[in-house]
C-alpha atoms as a PDB file:
ATOM      1  CA  UNK A   1       0.000   0.000   0.000  1.00  0.00           C
ATOM      2  CA  UNK A   2       1.341   3.419  -0.989  1.00  0.00           C
ATOM      3  CA  UNK A   3       1.137   5.743   2.015  1.00  0.00           C
ATOM      4  CA  UNK A   4       2.591   8.810   0.314  1.00  0.00           C
ATOM      5  CA  UNK A   5      -0.076   9.378  -2.351  1.00  0.00           C
ATOM      6  CA  UNK A   6      -3.798   9.451  -1.534  1.00  0.00           C
ATOM      7  CA  UNK A   7      -5.764   6.691  -3.245  1.00  0.00           C
ATOM      8  CA  UNK A   8      -9.137   8.352  -3.854  1.00  0.00           C
ATOM      9  CA  UNK A   9     -12.356   6.378  -4.140  1.00  0.00           C
ATOM     10  CA  UNK A  10     -15.878   7.615  -4.647  1.00  0.00           C
ATOM     11  CA  UNK A  11     -18.182   7.060  -1.704  1.00  0.00           C
ATOM     12  CA  UNK A  12     -20.709   4.277  -2.234  1.00  0.00           C
ATOM     13  CA  UNK A  13     -23.304   6.682  -0.808  1.00  0.00           C
ATOM     14  CA  UNK A  14     -22.677   9.352  -3.435  1.00  0.00           C
ATOM     15  CA  UNK A  15     -25.536  10.093  -5.771  1.00  0.00           C
ATOM     16  CA  UNK A  16     -25.467   8.639  -9.249  1.00  0.00           C
ATOM     17  CA  UNK A  17     -26.696  11.866 -10.844  1.00  0.00           C
ATOM     18  CA  UNK A  18     -23.295  13.555 -10.932  1.00  0.00           C
ATOM     19  CA  UNK A  19     -24.319  15.817  -8.061  1.00  0.00           C
ATOM     20  CA  UNK A  20     -23.587  14.947  -4.463  1.00  0.00           C
ATOM     21  CA  UNK A  21     -20.294  13.096  -4.796  1.00  0.00           C
ATOM     22  CA  UNK A  22     -17.672  12.674  -2.119  1.00  0.00           C
ATOM     23  CA  UNK A  23     -14.276  11.048  -2.503  1.00  0.00           C
ATOM     24  CA  UNK A  24     -12.351   9.494   0.361  1.00  0.00           C
ATOM     25  CA  UNK A  25      -8.708   8.463   0.689  1.00  0.00           C
ATOM     26  CA  UNK A  26      -8.095   6.279   3.715  1.00  0.00           C
ATOM     27  CA  UNK A  27      -4.674   4.873   2.840  1.00  0.00           C
ATOM     28  CA  UNK A  28      -2.731   7.609   4.666  1.00  0.00           C
ATOM     29  CA  UNK A  29      -1.518   6.606   8.158  1.00  0.00           C
ATOM     30  CA  UNK A  30      -3.471   8.471  10.838  1.00  0.00           C
ATOM     31  CA  UNK A  31      -5.360  10.614   8.313  1.00  0.00           C
ATOM     32  CA  UNK A  32      -8.558  10.209   6.302  1.00  0.00           C
ATOM     33  CA  UNK A  33      -8.932  12.692   3.440  1.00  0.00           C
ATOM     34  CA  UNK A  34     -12.321  13.810   2.104  1.00  0.00           C
ATOM     35  CA  UNK A  35     -13.045  16.033  -0.914  1.00  0.00           C
ATOM     36  CA  UNK A  36     -15.840  17.082  -3.242  1.00  0.00           C
ATOM     37  CA  UNK A  37     -15.659  15.224  -6.559  1.00  0.00           C
ATOM     38  CA  UNK A  38     -17.012  18.256  -8.430  1.00  0.00           C
ATOM     39  CA  UNK A  39     -14.327  20.580  -6.963  1.00  0.00           C
ATOM     40  CA  UNK A  40     -11.217  18.499  -6.358  1.00  0.00           C
ATOM     41  CA  UNK A  41      -9.012  21.582  -6.104  1.00  0.00           C
ATOM     42  CA  UNK A  42     -11.422  23.310  -3.703  1.00  0.00           C
ATOM     43  CA  UNK A  43      -9.933  21.852  -0.547  1.00  0.00           C
ATOM     44  CA  UNK A  44      -9.593  18.633   1.365  1.00  0.00           C
ATOM     45  CA  UNK A  45     -10.788  17.749   4.838  1.00  0.00           C
ATOM     46  CA  UNK A  46      -8.226  15.912   6.970  1.00  0.00           C
ATOM     47  CA  UNK A  47      -9.785  13.777   9.709  1.00  0.00           C
ATOM     48  CA  UNK A  48      -8.280  11.349  12.155  1.00  0.00           C
ATOM     49  CA  UNK A  49      -9.626   7.813  11.712  1.00  0.00           C
ATOM     50  CA  UNK A  50     -11.754   7.973  14.894  1.00  0.00           C
ATOM     51  CA  UNK A  51     -13.480  11.179  13.754  1.00  0.00           C
ATOM     52  CA  UNK A  52     -14.103   9.678  10.309  1.00  0.00           C
ATOM     53  CA  UNK A  53     -15.594   6.528  11.844  1.00  0.00           C
ATOM     54  CA  UNK A  54     -17.874   8.648  14.041  1.00  0.00           C
ATOM     55  CA  UNK A  55     -19.050  10.546  10.953  1.00  0.00           C
ATOM     56  CA  UNK A  56     -19.708   7.320   9.029  1.00  0.00           C
ATOM     57  CA  UNK A  57     -21.630   5.826  11.961  1.00  0.00           C
ATOM     58  CA  UNK A  58     -23.762   8.955  12.281  1.00  0.00           C
ATOM     59  CA  UNK A  59     -24.412   9.081   8.526  1.00  0.00           C
ATOM     60  CA  UNK A  60     -25.618   5.479   8.611  1.00  0.00           C
ATOM     61  CA  UNK A  61     -27.986   6.337  11.470  1.00  0.00           C
ATOM     62  CA  UNK A  62     -29.426   9.406   9.727  1.00  0.00           C
ATOM     63  CA  UNK A  63     -29.674   7.863   6.265  1.00  0.00           C
ATOM     64  CA  UNK A  64     -30.003   9.686   2.939  1.00  0.00           C
ATOM     65  CA  UNK A  65     -30.775  13.407   3.007  1.00  0.00           C
ATOM     66  CA  UNK A  66     -32.822  15.128   0.351  1.00  0.00           C
END
């Protein structure tokens, strides 16, 4: 596993209409990166793995929005 270059993947929960798309890179030690697929140069969130897991758990509880 390469831990120097983020390996981006599209979230399985992203919409299929080209709209609400999120990409995640979780191959970086101690860091989970999140960005907007439509604006890849617009910034990246850096989360520790525990914070990311809390977000994912909450998102599963809430379910789809919209």
